[in-house]
C-alpha cells in the first residue's frame, strides 16, 4: 500500500513537529494518528483549515506545554513503590505494566493515563527502574519505579542496599569447600 500524507496537529515522537506534512503507513494513520486527533489527512481543504487555525492550535499547545512544565517542576524526583511477589532470584511472577505505574502515581497527586507511561520494556525484576511519563509531547517526567516484595525491602532498595540473594552471603568459603568435598565423595561412591 502507498503511504498516506498527513498534517500533524501536534508533535509526534520520531515523526515530526506540529504543522509538518508527513508520509506514514496507512495502518499507523488509521489506527493511531487519526483516531487520537494527532493528525489530519493532507488534502487541500484540510491544509486551508489548518492554516486558518494554526495560530489558535499553537496557542493551545503552548498553554498545555506550560501546564506540563509546572507539573514537572512540582513532581520532580518522584519515586513510586510497587509491591509484587517474586522468586528467590528477584524475577517477578508476571511483570509491572504501564497501568500499574499509572495507578501507583495517583497517591502522590499525579494523575496520568497508562498511555502516557513510556516503558521501553516490561519490568520483570525487583529493583529500581527509570520510566518516562509523557506529560506533553515535548515534556517528559522521569519517575523512579521501586519494585519490591515488601515495604521494608523497598526502603532498603531506596537507600541503595542490595536485597535478595545478591545482598546475602550464599555460603561461607569454608562451607563451600565442605560442600564440594561432600559432592566429590557422593560421586566417587556412585562410580
C-alpha atoms as a PDB file:
ATOM      1  CA  UNK A   1       0.000   0.000   0.000  1.00  0.00           C
ATOM      2  CA  UNK A   2       1.064   3.541  -0.641  1.00  0.00           C
ATOM      3  CA  UNK A   3       1.927   5.848   2.213  1.00  0.00           C
ATOM      4  CA  UNK A   4      -0.625   8.407   3.391  1.00  0.00           C
ATOM      5  CA  UNK A   5       0.129  12.096   3.681  1.00  0.00           C
ATOM      6  CA  UNK A   6      -0.972  13.722   6.937  1.00  0.00           C
ATOM      7  CA  UNK A   7      -0.717  17.136   8.601  1.00  0.00           C
ATOM      8  CA  UNK A   8       0.472  16.803  12.193  1.00  0.00           C
ATOM      9  CA  UNK A   9      -1.677  18.674  14.720  1.00  0.00           C
ATOM     10  CA  UNK A  10       0.925  18.188  17.471  1.00  0.00           C
ATOM     11  CA  UNK A  11       4.478  16.976  17.884  1.00  0.00           C
ATOM     12  CA  UNK A  12       4.798  13.209  17.492  1.00  0.00           C
ATOM     13  CA  UNK A  13       7.985  11.428  18.635  1.00  0.00           C
ATOM     14  CA  UNK A  14      10.137  10.141  15.781  1.00  0.00           C
ATOM     15  CA  UNK A  15       7.770  11.621  13.211  1.00  0.00           C
ATOM     16  CA  UNK A  16       7.674  15.418  13.221  1.00  0.00           C
ATOM     17  CA  UNK A  17       6.510  18.760  14.613  1.00  0.00           C
ATOM     18  CA  UNK A  18       3.102  20.424  14.521  1.00  0.00           C
ATOM     19  CA  UNK A  19       2.189  21.618  11.037  1.00  0.00           C
ATOM     20  CA  UNK A  20       4.523  19.318   9.135  1.00  0.00           C
ATOM     21  CA  UNK A  21       3.163  17.213   6.290  1.00  0.00           C
ATOM     22  CA  UNK A  22       4.449  13.669   6.760  1.00  0.00           C
ATOM     23  CA  UNK A  23       4.108  10.362   4.942  1.00  0.00           C
ATOM     24  CA  UNK A  24       3.171   7.349   7.064  1.00  0.00           C
ATOM     25  CA  UNK A  25       1.872   3.840   6.555  1.00  0.00           C
ATOM     26  CA  UNK A  26      -1.922   3.640   6.235  1.00  0.00           C
ATOM     27  CA  UNK A  27      -2.334   1.429   9.327  1.00  0.00           C
ATOM     28  CA  UNK A  28      -0.425   3.850  11.559  1.00  0.00           C
ATOM     29  CA  UNK A  29      -2.562   6.709  10.260  1.00  0.00           C
ATOM     30  CA  UNK A  30      -5.908   4.884  10.539  1.00  0.00           C
ATOM     31  CA  UNK A  31      -5.301   3.146  13.855  1.00  0.00           C
ATOM     32  CA  UNK A  32      -3.331   5.750  15.813  1.00  0.00           C
ATOM     33  CA  UNK A  33      -2.794   9.249  14.406  1.00  0.00           C
ATOM     34  CA  UNK A  34      -6.284   9.979  13.066  1.00  0.00           C
ATOM     35  CA  UNK A  35      -8.355   8.496  15.969  1.00  0.00           C
ATOM     36  CA  UNK A  36      -6.108  10.219  18.565  1.00  0.00           C
ATOM     37  CA  UNK A  37      -6.635  13.519  16.697  1.00  0.00           C
ATOM     38  CA  UNK A  38      -2.877  13.953  16.282  1.00  0.00           C
ATOM     39  CA  UNK A  39      -3.144  14.452  12.515  1.00  0.00           C
ATOM     40  CA  UNK A  40      -5.422  15.316   9.591  1.00  0.00           C
ATOM     41  CA  UNK A  41      -5.360  13.947   6.068  1.00  0.00           C
ATOM     42  CA  UNK A  42      -3.302  16.269   3.858  1.00  0.00           C
ATOM     43  CA  UNK A  43      -5.975  17.426   1.435  1.00  0.00           C
ATOM     44  CA  UNK A  44      -6.175  20.954   0.011  1.00  0.00           C
ATOM     45  CA  UNK A  45      -9.267  21.666   2.122  1.00  0.00           C
ATOM     46  CA  UNK A  46      -7.643  20.396   5.325  1.00  0.00           C
ATOM     47  CA  UNK A  47      -4.449  22.382   4.598  1.00  0.00           C
ATOM     48  CA  UNK A  48      -6.568  25.549   4.295  1.00  0.00           C
ATOM     49  CA  UNK A  49      -8.443  24.739   7.538  1.00  0.00           C
ATOM     50  CA  UNK A  50      -5.177  24.038   9.353  1.00  0.00           C
ATOM     51  CA  UNK A  51      -3.567  27.290   8.182  1.00  0.00           C
ATOM     52  CA  UNK A  52      -6.671  29.175   9.372  1.00  0.00           C
ATOM     53  CA  UNK A  53      -6.484  27.569  12.820  1.00  0.00           C
ATOM     54  CA  UNK A  54      -2.690  27.367  13.104  1.00  0.00           C
ATOM     55  CA  UNK A  55      -2.302  30.337  15.475  1.00  0.00           C
ATOM     56  CA  UNK A  56      -5.075  29.046  17.729  1.00  0.00           C
ATOM     57  CA  UNK A  57      -3.634  25.499  17.758  1.00  0.00           C
ATOM     58  CA  UNK A  58      -0.139  26.797  18.559  1.00  0.00           C
ATOM     59  CA  UNK A  59      -1.528  28.903  21.435  1.00  0.00           C
ATOM     60  CA  UNK A  60      -3.372  25.874  22.868  1.00  0.00           C
ATOM     61  CA  UNK A  61      -0.225  23.767  22.510  1.00  0.00           C
ATOM     62  CA  UNK A  62       1.870  26.416  24.285  1.00  0.00           C
ATOM     63  CA  UNK A  63      -0.658  26.621  27.147  1.00  0.00           C
ATOM     64  CA  UNK A  64      -0.696  22.813  27.603  1.00  0.00           C
ATOM     65  CA  UNK A  65       3.103  22.755  27.492  1.00  0.00           C
ATOM     66  CA  UNK A  66       3.388  25.430  30.192  1.00  0.00           C
ATOM     67  CA  UNK A  67       0.956  23.482  32.409  1.00  0.00           C
ATOM     68  CA  UNK A  68       3.017  20.323  31.866  1.00  0.00           C
ATOM     69  CA  UNK A  69       6.241  22.180  32.755  1.00  0.00           C
ATOM     70  CA  UNK A  70       4.679  23.464  36.016  1.00  0.00           C
ATOM     71  CA  UNK A  71       3.611  19.912  36.854  1.00  0.00           C
ATOM     72  CA  UNK A  72       7.122  18.681  36.013  1.00  0.00           C
ATOM     73  CA  UNK A  73       8.636  21.159  38.487  1.00  0.00           C
ATOM     74  CA  UNK A  74       6.193  20.058  41.211  1.00  0.00           C
ATOM     75  CA  UNK A  75       6.711  16.315  40.655  1.00  0.00           C
ATOM     76  CA  UNK A  76      10.497  16.328  40.017  1.00  0.00           C
ATOM     77  CA  UNK A  77      12.219  13.329  41.640  1.00  0.00           C
ATOM     78  CA  UNK A  78       9.014  11.298  42.054  1.00  0.00           C
ATOM     79  CA  UNK A  79       9.500   7.713  43.196  1.00  0.00           C
ATOM     80  CA  UNK A  80       6.662   5.182  43.290  1.00  0.00           C
ATOM     81  CA  UNK A  81       6.726   1.873  45.136  1.00  0.00           C
ATOM     82  CA  UNK A  82       5.087  -1.204  43.652  1.00  0.00           C
ATOM     83  CA  UNK A  83       4.837  -4.337  45.808  1.00  0.00           C
ATOM     84  CA  UNK A  84       4.962  -7.618  43.866  1.00  0.00           C
ATOM     85  CA  UNK A  85       5.654 -11.280  44.547  1.00  0.00           C
ATOM     86  CA  UNK A  86       8.957 -12.526  43.211  1.00  0.00           C
ATOM     87  CA  UNK A  87      11.126 -15.619  43.189  1.00  0.00           C
ATOM     88  CA  UNK A  88      14.403 -16.065  45.039  1.00  0.00           C
ATOM     89  CA  UNK A  89      16.404 -14.756  42.067  1.00  0.00           C
ATOM     90  CA  UNK A  90      14.451 -11.487  42.034  1.00  0.00           C
ATOM     91  CA  UNK A  91      12.356 -12.355  38.975  1.00  0.00           C
ATOM     92  CA  UNK A  92       8.752 -11.230  39.254  1.00  0.00           C
ATOM     93  CA  UNK A  93       5.815 -13.589  38.877  1.00  0.00           C
ATOM     94  CA  UNK A  94       4.440 -11.589  35.960  1.00  0.00           C
ATOM     95  CA  UNK A  95       5.543  -8.050  35.189  1.00  0.00           C
ATOM     96  CA  UNK A  96       4.872  -4.416  36.056  1.00  0.00           C
ATOM     97  CA  UNK A  97       2.866  -2.722  33.314  1.00  0.00           C
ATOM     98  CA  UNK A  98       2.210   0.884  32.368  1.00  0.00           C
ATOM     99  CA  UNK A  99      -1.208   0.646  34.049  1.00  0.00           C
ATOM    100  CA  UNK A 100       0.433  -0.432  37.343  1.00  0.00           C
ATOM    101  CA  UNK A 101       2.765   2.566  37.204  1.00  0.00           C
ATOM    102  CA  UNK A 102      -0.081   4.982  36.381  1.00  0.00           C
ATOM    103  CA  UNK A 103      -2.089   3.632  39.342  1.00  0.00           C
ATOM    104  CA  UNK A 104       0.943   3.909  41.661  1.00  0.00           C
ATOM    105  CA  UNK A 105       1.386   7.596  40.729  1.00  0.00           C
ATOM    106  CA  UNK A 106      -2.110   8.600  41.910  1.00  0.00           C
ATOM    107  CA  UNK A 107      -1.454   8.624  45.703  1.00  0.00           C
ATOM    108  CA  UNK A 108       1.345  11.167  45.145  1.00  0.00           C
ATOM    109  CA  UNK A 109      -1.093  13.514  43.388  1.00  0.00           C
ATOM    110  CA  UNK A 110      -0.081  12.759  39.802  1.00  0.00           C
ATOM    111  CA  UNK A 111      -2.979  11.539  37.686  1.00  0.00           C
ATOM    112  CA  UNK A 112      -1.748  10.044  34.434  1.00  0.00           C
ATOM    113  CA  UNK A 113      -3.226   7.695  31.883  1.00  0.00           C
ATOM    114  CA  UNK A 114      -1.424   4.460  31.092  1.00  0.00           C
ATOM    115  CA  UNK A 115      -0.819   5.692  27.540  1.00  0.00           C
ATOM    116  CA  UNK A 116       1.370   8.458  28.982  1.00  0.00           C
ATOM    117  CA  UNK A 117       3.721   5.967  30.679  1.00  0.00           C
ATOM    118  CA  UNK A 118       6.626   5.197  28.322  1.00  0.00           C
ATOM    119  CA  UNK A 119       8.066   1.745  29.062  1.00  0.00           C
ATOM    120  CA  UNK A 120      10.879   0.570  26.816  1.00  0.00           C
ATOM    121  CA  UNK A 121      10.200  -2.992  28.002  1.00  0.00           C
ATOM    122  CA  UNK A 122       8.083  -4.509  30.779  1.00  0.00           C
ATOM    123  CA  UNK A 123       9.640  -4.533  34.247  1.00  0.00           C
ATOM    124  CA  UNK A 124      10.208  -8.171  35.213  1.00  0.00           C
ATOM    125  CA  UNK A 125      12.709  -7.932  38.090  1.00  0.00           C
ATOM    126  CA  UNK A 126      12.916  -6.391  41.534  1.00  0.00           C
ATOM    127  CA  UNK A 127      14.811  -3.134  41.867  1.00  0.00           C
ATOM    128  CA  UNK A 128      14.788   0.494  40.807  1.00  0.00           C
ATOM    129  CA  UNK A 129      13.872   1.359  37.228  1.00  0.00           C
ATOM    130  CA  UNK A 130      13.680   4.767  35.499  1.00  0.00           C
ATOM    131  CA  UNK A 131      10.499   5.344  33.484  1.00  0.00           C
ATOM    132  CA  UNK A 132       9.341   8.354  31.466  1.00  0.00           C
ATOM    133  CA  UNK A 133       5.867   9.838  31.766  1.00  0.00           C
ATOM    134  CA  UNK A 134       4.884  11.966  28.780  1.00  0.00           C
ATOM    135  CA  UNK A 135       3.022  14.919  30.314  1.00  0.00           C
ATOM    136  CA  UNK A 136       3.043  16.634  26.916  1.00  0.00           C
ATOM    137  CA  UNK A 137       4.621  15.637  23.589  1.00  0.00           C
ATOM    138  CA  UNK A 138       7.554  17.926  24.458  1.00  0.00           C
ATOM    139  CA  UNK A 139       7.688  17.443  28.271  1.00  0.00           C
ATOM    140  CA  UNK A 140       8.706  14.166  29.935  1.00  0.00           C
ATOM    141  CA  UNK A 141       8.759  13.465  33.679  1.00  0.00           C
ATOM    142  CA  UNK A 142      11.356  10.912  34.822  1.00  0.00           C
ATOM    143  CA  UNK A 143       9.902   8.645  37.539  1.00  0.00           C
ATOM    144  CA  UNK A 144      11.777   6.038  39.560  1.00  0.00           C
ATOM    145  CA  UNK A 145       9.779   2.825  39.965  1.00  0.00           C
ATOM    146  CA  UNK A 146      10.818   0.833  43.049  1.00  0.00           C
ATOM    147  CA  UNK A 147       9.607  -2.771  42.646  1.00  0.00           C
ATOM    148  CA  UNK A 148       9.941  -4.806  45.844  1.00  0.00           C
ATOM    149  CA  UNK A 149       8.419  -7.732  47.763  1.00  0.00           C
ATOM    150  CA  UNK A 150       7.559  -5.587  50.817  1.00  0.00           C
ATOM    151  CA  UNK A 151       7.624  -2.005  52.027  1.00  0.00           C
ATOM    152  CA  UNK A 152      10.724  -2.771  54.135  1.00  0.00           C
ATOM    153  CA  UNK A 153      12.533  -4.154  51.083  1.00  0.00           C
ATOM    154  CA  UNK A 154      11.516  -1.071  49.083  1.00  0.00           C
ATOM    155  CA  UNK A 155      13.032   1.162  51.787  1.00  0.00           C
ATOM    156  CA  UNK A 156      16.307  -0.817  51.642  1.00  0.00           C
ATOM    157  CA  UNK A 157      16.415  -0.512  47.839  1.00  0.00           C
ATOM    158  CA  UNK A 158      15.727   3.226  48.042  1.00  0.00           C
ATOM    159  CA  UNK A 159      18.732   3.609  50.383  1.00  0.00           C
ATOM    160  CA  UNK A 160      20.902   1.724  47.886  1.00  0.00           C
ATOM    161  CA  UNK A 161      21.210  -1.524  49.832  1.00  0.00           C
ATOM    162  CA  UNK A 162      21.240  -4.832  47.993  1.00  0.00           C
ATOM    163  CA  UNK A 163      18.284  -7.142  48.675  1.00  0.00           C
ATOM    164  CA  UNK A 164      17.629 -10.766  47.832  1.00  0.00           C
ATOM    165  CA  UNK A 165      20.360 -13.312  47.101  1.00  0.00           C
ATOM    166  CA  UNK A 166      22.789 -10.686  45.835  1.00  0.00           C
ATOM    167  CA  UNK A 167      22.738  -8.977  49.224  1.00  0.00           C
ATOM    168  CA  UNK A 168      23.165 -12.138  51.302  1.00  0.00           C
ATOM    169  CA  UNK A 169      26.169 -14.411  51.604  1.00  0.00           C
ATOM    170  CA  UNK A 170      25.269 -17.636  49.821  1.00  0.00           C
ATOM    171  CA  UNK A 171      27.947 -19.823  51.501  1.00  0.00           C
ATOM    172  CA  UNK A 172      30.942 -19.001  53.578  1.00  0.00           C
ATOM    173  CA  UNK A 173      34.182 -20.087  51.816  1.00  0.00           C
ATOM    174  CA  UNK A 174      34.826 -22.975  54.228  1.00  0.00           C
ATOM    175  CA  UNK A 175      31.223 -24.192  53.848  1.00  0.00           C
ATOM    176  CA  UNK A 176      31.686 -24.177  50.076  1.00  0.00           C
ATOM    177  CA  UNK A 177      34.790 -26.369  50.393  1.00  0.00           C
ATOM    178  CA  UNK A 178      32.950 -28.813  52.684  1.00  0.00           C
ATOM    179  CA  UNK A 179      30.001 -28.894  50.258  1.00  0.00           C
ATOM    180  CA  UNK A 180      32.342 -29.556  47.315  1.00  0.00           C
ATOM    181  CA  UNK A 181      34.085 -32.383  49.189  1.00  0.00           C
ATOM    182  CA  UNK A 182      30.716 -33.951  50.020  1.00  0.00           C
ATOM    183  CA  UNK A 183      29.727 -33.846  46.351  1.00  0.00           C
ATOM    184  CA  UNK A 184      33.027 -35.429  45.330  1.00  0.00           C
ATOM    185  CA  UNK A 185      32.512 -38.254  47.851  1.00  0.00           C
ATOM    186  CA  UNK A 186      28.985 -38.840  46.606  1.00  0.00           C
ATOM    187  CA  UNK A 187      30.238 -39.015  43.018  1.00  0.00           C
ATOM    188  CA  UNK A 188      33.035 -41.426  43.995  1.00  0.00           C
ATOM    189  CA  UNK A 189      30.582 -43.679  45.854  1.00  0.00           C
ATOM    190  CA  UNK A 190      28.355 -43.945  42.765  1.00  0.00           C
ATOM    191  CA  UNK A 191      31.254 -44.656  40.397  1.00  0.00           C
END
